[in-house]
Amino acid sequence: AQLALSPWTARIVHHPADAGAGGGFECL
């Protein structure tokens, strides 16, 4: 019941400074 009361959605954030040519991603 408590889980159902707190809806959230996912958002992908790009971090250009992360390792790799294209940067890195984080799911928030």
PDB file of all heavy atoms in Angstrom:
ATOM      1  N   ALA A   1       0.825  -1.205   0.000  1.00  0.00           N
ATOM      2  CA  ALA A   1       0.000   0.000   0.000  1.00  0.00           C
ATOM      3  C   ALA A   1       0.860   1.255   0.000  1.00  0.00           C
ATOM      4  O   ALA A   1       0.548   2.241  -0.677  1.00  0.00           O
ATOM      5  CB  ALA A   1      -0.937  -0.014   1.205  1.00  0.00           C
ATOM      6  N   GLN A   2       1.955   1.233   0.759  1.00  0.00           N
ATOM      7  CA  GLN A   2       2.848   2.393   0.792  1.00  0.00           C
ATOM      8  C   GLN A   2       3.602   2.557  -0.524  1.00  0.00           C
ATOM      9  O   GLN A   2       3.841   3.683  -0.964  1.00  0.00           O
ATOM     10  CB  GLN A   2       3.832   2.274   1.962  1.00  0.00           C
ATOM     11  CG  GLN A   2       3.169   2.306   3.328  1.00  0.00           C
ATOM     12  CD  GLN A   2       2.345   3.557   3.557  1.00  0.00           C
ATOM     13  OE1 GLN A   2       2.663   4.619   3.026  1.00  0.00           O
ATOM     14  NE2 GLN A   2       1.296   3.442   4.348  1.00  0.00           N
ATOM     15  N   LEU A   3       3.967   1.457  -1.133  1.00  0.00           N
ATOM     16  CA  LEU A   3       4.615   1.540  -2.446  1.00  0.00           C
ATOM     17  C   LEU A   3       3.689   2.187  -3.471  1.00  0.00           C
ATOM     18  O   LEU A   3       4.117   2.982  -4.310  1.00  0.00           O
ATOM     19  CB  LEU A   3       5.029   0.143  -2.920  1.00  0.00           C
ATOM     20  CG  LEU A   3       6.261  -0.472  -2.255  1.00  0.00           C
ATOM     21  CD1 LEU A   3       6.382  -1.945  -2.647  1.00  0.00           C
ATOM     22  CD2 LEU A   3       7.522   0.278  -2.646  1.00  0.00           C
ATOM     23  N   ALA A   4       2.413   1.861  -3.392  1.00  0.00           N
ATOM     24  CA  ALA A   4       1.452   2.382  -4.358  1.00  0.00           C
ATOM     25  C   ALA A   4       1.202   3.878  -4.186  1.00  0.00           C
ATOM     26  O   ALA A   4       0.775   4.548  -5.128  1.00  0.00           O
ATOM     27  CB  ALA A   4       0.131   1.627  -4.233  1.00  0.00           C
ATOM     28  N   LEU A   5       1.482   4.417  -3.009  1.00  0.00           N
ATOM     29  CA  LEU A   5       1.218   5.821  -2.732  1.00  0.00           C
ATOM     30  C   LEU A   5       2.316   6.751  -3.233  1.00  0.00           C
ATOM     31  O   LEU A   5       2.151   7.967  -3.193  1.00  0.00           O
ATOM     32  CB  LEU A   5       1.037   6.035  -1.222  1.00  0.00           C
ATOM     33  CG  LEU A   5      -0.269   5.534  -0.622  1.00  0.00           C
ATOM     34  CD1 LEU A   5      -0.266   5.721   0.889  1.00  0.00           C
ATOM     35  CD2 LEU A   5      -1.461   6.244  -1.241  1.00  0.00           C
ATOM     36  N   SER A   6       3.442   6.215  -3.667  1.00  0.00           N
ATOM     37  CA  SER A   6       4.567   7.073  -4.051  1.00  0.00           C
ATOM     38  C   SER A   6       4.990   6.779  -5.483  1.00  0.00           C
ATOM     39  O   SER A   6       5.990   6.101  -5.717  1.00  0.00           O
ATOM     40  CB  SER A   6       5.747   6.865  -3.100  1.00  0.00           C
ATOM     41  OG  SER A   6       6.793   7.756  -3.424  1.00  0.00           O
ATOM     42  N   PRO A   7       4.229   7.247  -6.464  1.00  0.00           N
ATOM     43  CA  PRO A   7       4.594   6.989  -7.861  1.00  0.00           C
ATOM     44  C   PRO A   7       5.841   7.765  -8.266  1.00  0.00           C
ATOM     45  O   PRO A   7       6.068   8.885  -7.812  1.00  0.00           O
ATOM     46  CB  PRO A   7       3.371   7.474  -8.637  1.00  0.00           C
ATOM     47  CG  PRO A   7       2.779   8.524  -7.758  1.00  0.00           C
ATOM     48  CD  PRO A   7       3.041   8.074  -6.347  1.00  0.00           C
ATOM     49  N   TRP A   8       6.643   7.159  -9.095  1.00  0.00           N
ATOM     50  CA  TRP A   8       7.797   7.855  -9.654  1.00  0.00           C
ATOM     51  C   TRP A   8       8.035   7.367 -11.068  1.00  0.00           C
ATOM     52  O   TRP A   8       7.626   6.285 -11.464  1.00  0.00           O
ATOM     53  CB  TRP A   8       9.058   7.664  -8.807  1.00  0.00           C
ATOM     54  CG  TRP A   8       9.402   6.255  -8.463  1.00  0.00           C
ATOM     55  CD1 TRP A   8       9.863   5.279  -9.284  1.00  0.00           C
ATOM     56  CD2 TRP A   8       9.281   5.652  -7.170  1.00  0.00           C
ATOM     57  NE1 TRP A   8      10.066   4.120  -8.595  1.00  0.00           N
ATOM     58  CE2 TRP A   8       9.714   4.308  -7.296  1.00  0.00           C
ATOM     59  CE3 TRP A   8       8.877   6.114  -5.922  1.00  0.00           C
ATOM     60  CZ2 TRP A   8       9.737   3.426  -6.220  1.00  0.00           C
ATOM     61  CZ3 TRP A   8       8.906   5.231  -4.858  1.00  0.00           C
ATOM     62  CH2 TRP A   8       9.334   3.911  -5.016  1.00  0.00           C
ATOM     63  N   THR A   9       8.696   8.193 -11.823  1.00  0.00           N
ATOM     64  CA  THR A   9       9.044   7.850 -13.199  1.00  0.00           C
ATOM     65  C   THR A   9      10.556   7.944 -13.356  1.00  0.00           C
ATOM     66  O   THR A   9      11.243   8.592 -12.574  1.00  0.00           O
ATOM     67  CB  THR A   9       8.368   8.800 -14.193  1.00  0.00           C
ATOM     68  OG1 THR A   9       8.754  10.143 -13.887  1.00  0.00           O
ATOM     69  CG2 THR A   9       6.845   8.691 -14.097  1.00  0.00           C
ATOM     70  N   ALA A  10      11.061   7.281 -14.369  1.00  0.00           N
ATOM     71  CA  ALA A  10      12.501   7.263 -14.613  1.00  0.00           C
ATOM     72  C   ALA A  10      12.889   8.368 -15.584  1.00  0.00           C
ATOM     73  O   ALA A  10      12.134   8.713 -16.497  1.00  0.00           O
ATOM     74  CB  ALA A  10      12.928   5.909 -15.163  1.00  0.00           C
ATOM     75  N   ARG A  11      14.069   8.936 -15.373  1.00  0.00           N
ATOM     76  CA  ARG A  11      14.603   9.954 -16.274  1.00  0.00           C
ATOM     77  C   ARG A  11      16.084   9.662 -16.508  1.00  0.00           C
ATOM     78  O   ARG A  11      16.834   9.429 -15.547  1.00  0.00           O
ATOM     79  CB  ARG A  11      14.433  11.349 -15.666  1.00  0.00           C
ATOM     80  CG  ARG A  11      14.997  12.472 -16.533  1.00  0.00           C
ATOM     81  CD  ARG A  11      14.445  13.815 -16.076  1.00  0.00           C
ATOM     82  NE  ARG A  11      14.769  14.085 -14.682  1.00  0.00           N
ATOM     83  CZ  ARG A  11      15.838  14.790 -14.283  1.00  0.00           C
ATOM     84  NH1 ARG A  11      16.676  15.253 -15.180  1.00  0.00           N
ATOM     85  NH2 ARG A  11      16.054  15.010 -13.009  1.00  0.00           N
ATOM     86  N   ILE A  12      16.509   9.652 -17.759  1.00  0.00           N
ATOM     87  CA  ILE A  12      17.899   9.368 -18.109  1.00  0.00           C
ATOM     88  C   ILE A  12      18.657  10.688 -18.221  1.00  0.00           C
ATOM     89  O   ILE A  12      18.242  11.601 -18.936  1.00  0.00           O
ATOM     90  CB  ILE A  12      18.001   8.582 -19.425  1.00  0.00           C
ATOM     91  CG1 ILE A  12      17.261   7.245 -19.292  1.00  0.00           C
ATOM     92  CG2 ILE A  12      19.462   8.344 -19.800  1.00  0.00           C
ATOM     93  CD1 ILE A  12      17.187   6.481 -20.585  1.00  0.00           C
ATOM     94  N   VAL A  13      19.775  10.765 -17.504  1.00  0.00           N
ATOM     95  CA  VAL A  13      20.597  11.972 -17.502  1.00  0.00           C
ATOM     96  C   VAL A  13      21.942  11.648 -18.130  1.00  0.00           C
ATOM     97  O   VAL A  13      22.553  10.615 -17.825  1.00  0.00           O
ATOM     98  CB  VAL A  13      20.791  12.499 -16.067  1.00  0.00           C
ATOM     99  CG1 VAL A  13      21.702  13.718 -16.054  1.00  0.00           C
ATOM    100  CG2 VAL A  13      19.441  12.841 -15.446  1.00  0.00           C
ATOM    101  N   HIS A  14      22.400  12.537 -19.006  1.00  0.00           N
ATOM    102  CA  HIS A  14      23.691  12.351 -19.672  1.00  0.00           C
ATOM    103  C   HIS A  14      24.775  13.126 -18.945  1.00  0.00           C
ATOM    104  O   HIS A  14      24.590  14.295 -18.596  1.00  0.00           O
ATOM    105  CB  HIS A  14      23.601  12.834 -21.124  1.00  0.00           C
ATOM    106  CG  HIS A  14      24.881  12.665 -21.885  1.00  0.00           C
ATOM    107  ND1 HIS A  14      25.479  13.694 -22.586  1.00  0.00           N
ATOM    108  CD2 HIS A  14      25.681  11.582 -22.047  1.00  0.00           C
ATOM    109  CE1 HIS A  14      26.592  13.253 -23.147  1.00  0.00           C
ATOM    110  NE2 HIS A  14      26.735  11.987 -22.838  1.00  0.00           N
ATOM    111  N   HIS A  15      25.901  12.458 -18.679  1.00  0.00           N
ATOM    112  CA  HIS A  15      27.049  13.090 -18.021  1.00  0.00           C
ATOM    113  C   HIS A  15      28.230  13.095 -18.999  1.00  0.00           C
ATOM    114  O   HIS A  15      28.942  12.096 -19.134  1.00  0.00           O
ATOM    115  CB  HIS A  15      27.429  12.331 -16.750  1.00  0.00           C
ATOM    116  CG  HIS A  15      26.336  12.319 -15.719  1.00  0.00           C
ATOM    117  ND1 HIS A  15      25.943  13.440 -15.028  1.00  0.00           N
ATOM    118  CD2 HIS A  15      25.545  11.307 -15.281  1.00  0.00           C
ATOM    119  CE1 HIS A  15      24.962  13.134 -14.195  1.00  0.00           C
ATOM    120  NE2 HIS A  15      24.701  11.844 -14.330  1.00  0.00           N
ATOM    121  N   PRO A  16      28.465  14.193 -19.713  1.00  0.00           N
ATOM    122  CA  PRO A  16      29.523  14.227 -20.737  1.00  0.00           C
ATOM    123  C   PRO A  16      30.915  13.995 -20.178  1.00  0.00           C
ATOM    124  O   PRO A  16      31.798  13.512 -20.886  1.00  0.00           O
ATOM    125  CB  PRO A  16      29.400  15.637 -21.322  1.00  0.00           C
ATOM    126  CG  PRO A  16      28.029  16.102 -20.942  1.00  0.00           C
ATOM    127  CD  PRO A  16      27.723  15.443 -19.636  1.00  0.00           C
ATOM    128  N   ALA A  17      31.154  14.344 -18.918  1.00  0.00           N
ATOM    129  CA  ALA A  17      32.503  14.242 -18.367  1.00  0.00           C
ATOM    130  C   ALA A  17      32.883  12.816 -18.005  1.00  0.00           C
ATOM    131  O   ALA A  17      34.040  12.550 -17.689  1.00  0.00           O
ATOM    132  CB  ALA A  17      32.626  15.132 -17.129  1.00  0.00           C
ATOM    133  N   ASP A  18      31.938  11.884 -18.036  1.00  0.00           N
ATOM    134  CA  ASP A  18      32.258  10.507 -17.679  1.00  0.00           C
ATOM    135  C   ASP A  18      33.170   9.872 -18.716  1.00  0.00           C
ATOM    136  O   ASP A  18      33.317  10.353 -19.843  1.00  0.00           O
ATOM    137  CB  ASP A  18      30.975   9.673 -17.545  1.00  0.00           C
ATOM    138  CG  ASP A  18      30.240   9.986 -16.247  1.00  0.00           C
ATOM    139  OD1 ASP A  18      30.736  10.849 -15.502  1.00  0.00           O
ATOM    140  OD2 ASP A  18      29.199   9.375 -15.992  1.00  0.00           O
ATOM    141  N   ALA A  19      33.770   8.773 -18.323  1.00  0.00           N
ATOM    142  CA  ALA A  19      34.710   8.077 -19.217  1.00  0.00           C
ATOM    143  C   ALA A  19      34.002   7.641 -20.497  1.00  0.00           C
ATOM    144  O   ALA A  19      32.839   7.275 -20.499  1.00  0.00           O
ATOM    145  CB  ALA A  19      35.301   6.865 -18.493  1.00  0.00           C
ATOM    146  N   GLY A  20      34.737   7.671 -21.580  1.00  0.00           N
ATOM    147  CA  GLY A  20      34.189   7.243 -22.857  1.00  0.00           C
ATOM    148  C   GLY A  20      33.943   8.437 -23.754  1.00  0.00           C
ATOM    149  O   GLY A  20      33.664   9.549 -23.294  1.00  0.00           O
ATOM    150  N   ALA A  21      34.017   8.179 -25.062  1.00  0.00           N
ATOM    151  CA  ALA A  21      33.890   9.268 -26.023  1.00  0.00           C
ATOM    152  C   ALA A  21      32.531   9.950 -25.947  1.00  0.00           C
ATOM    153  O   ALA A  21      32.410  11.160 -26.122  1.00  0.00           O
ATOM    154  CB  ALA A  21      34.130   8.731 -27.439  1.00  0.00           C
ATOM    155  N   GLY A  22      31.463   9.164 -25.685  1.00  0.00           N
ATOM    156  CA  GLY A  22      30.129   9.742 -25.668  1.00  0.00           C
ATOM    157  C   GLY A  22      29.635  10.129 -24.294  1.00  0.00           C
ATOM    158  O   GLY A  22      28.483  10.523 -24.144  1.00  0.00           O
ATOM    159  N   GLY A  23      30.485  10.016 -23.289  1.00  0.00           N
ATOM    160  CA  GLY A  23      30.047  10.310 -21.937  1.00  0.00           C
ATOM    161  C   GLY A  23      29.297   9.138 -21.329  1.00  0.00           C
ATOM    162  O   GLY A  23      29.264   8.035 -21.886  1.00  0.00           O
ATOM    163  N   GLY A  24      28.660   9.365 -20.187  1.00  0.00           N
ATOM    164  CA  GLY A  24      27.936   8.313 -19.492  1.00  0.00           C
ATOM    165  C   GLY A  24      26.514   8.727 -19.205  1.00  0.00           C
ATOM    166  O   GLY A  24      26.125   9.886 -19.369  1.00  0.00           O
ATOM    167  N   PHE A  25      25.713   7.747 -18.808  1.00  0.00           N
ATOM    168  CA  PHE A  25      24.302   7.989 -18.531  1.00  0.00           C
ATOM    169  C   PHE A  25      23.966   7.518 -17.119  1.00  0.00           C
ATOM    170  O   PHE A  25      24.596   6.607 -16.574  1.00  0.00           O
ATOM    171  CB  PHE A  25      23.419   7.242 -19.536  1.00  0.00           C
ATOM    172  CG  PHE A  25      23.560   7.736 -20.944  1.00  0.00           C
ATOM    173  CD1 PHE A  25      24.457   7.138 -21.811  1.00  0.00           C
ATOM    174  CD2 PHE A  25      22.796   8.808 -21.396  1.00  0.00           C
ATOM    175  CE1 PHE A  25      24.595   7.592 -23.112  1.00  0.00           C
ATOM    176  CE2 PHE A  25      22.928   9.262 -22.698  1.00  0.00           C
ATOM    177  CZ  PHE A  25      23.824   8.654 -23.557  1.00  0.00           C
ATOM    178  N   GLU A  26      22.963   8.138 -16.545  1.00  0.00           N
ATOM    179  CA  GLU A  26      22.462   7.757 -15.230  1.00  0.00           C
ATOM    180  C   GLU A  26      20.945   7.768 -15.267  1.00  0.00           C
ATOM    181  O   GLU A  26      20.323   8.668 -15.840  1.00  0.00           O
ATOM    182  CB  GLU A  26      22.960   8.741 -14.160  1.00  0.00           C
ATOM    183  CG  GLU A  26      22.497   8.404 -12.751  1.00  0.00           C
ATOM    184  CD  GLU A  26      22.979   9.422 -11.738  1.00  0.00           C
ATOM    185  OE1 GLU A  26      23.512  10.471 -12.166  1.00  0.00           O
ATOM    186  OE2 GLU A  26      22.816   9.178 -10.534  1.00  0.00           O
ATOM    187  N   CYS A  27      20.335   6.749 -14.689  1.00  0.00           N
ATOM    188  CA  CYS A  27      18.881   6.674 -14.615  1.00  0.00           C
ATOM    189  C   CYS A  27      18.438   7.181 -13.241  1.00  0.00           C
ATOM    190  O   CYS A  27      18.831   6.620 -12.210  1.00  0.00           O
ATOM    191  CB  CYS A  27      18.405   5.240 -14.840  1.00  0.00           C
ATOM    192  SG  CYS A  27      16.607   5.086 -14.886  1.00  0.00           S
ATOM    193  N   LEU A  28      17.667   8.242 -13.226  1.00  0.00           N
ATOM    194  CA  LEU A  28      17.201   8.847 -11.989  1.00  0.00           C
ATOM    195  C   LEU A  28      15.698   8.647 -11.834  1.00  0.00           C
ATOM    196  O   LEU A  28      14.963   8.595 -12.818  1.00  0.00           O
ATOM    197  CB  LEU A  28      17.500  10.348 -11.966  1.00  0.00           C
ATOM    198  CG  LEU A  28      18.970  10.762 -12.057  1.00  0.00           C
ATOM    199  CD1 LEU A  28      19.069  12.284 -12.095  1.00  0.00           C
ATOM    200  CD2 LEU A  28      19.763  10.196 -10.894  1.00  0.00           C
TER     201      LEU A  28
END
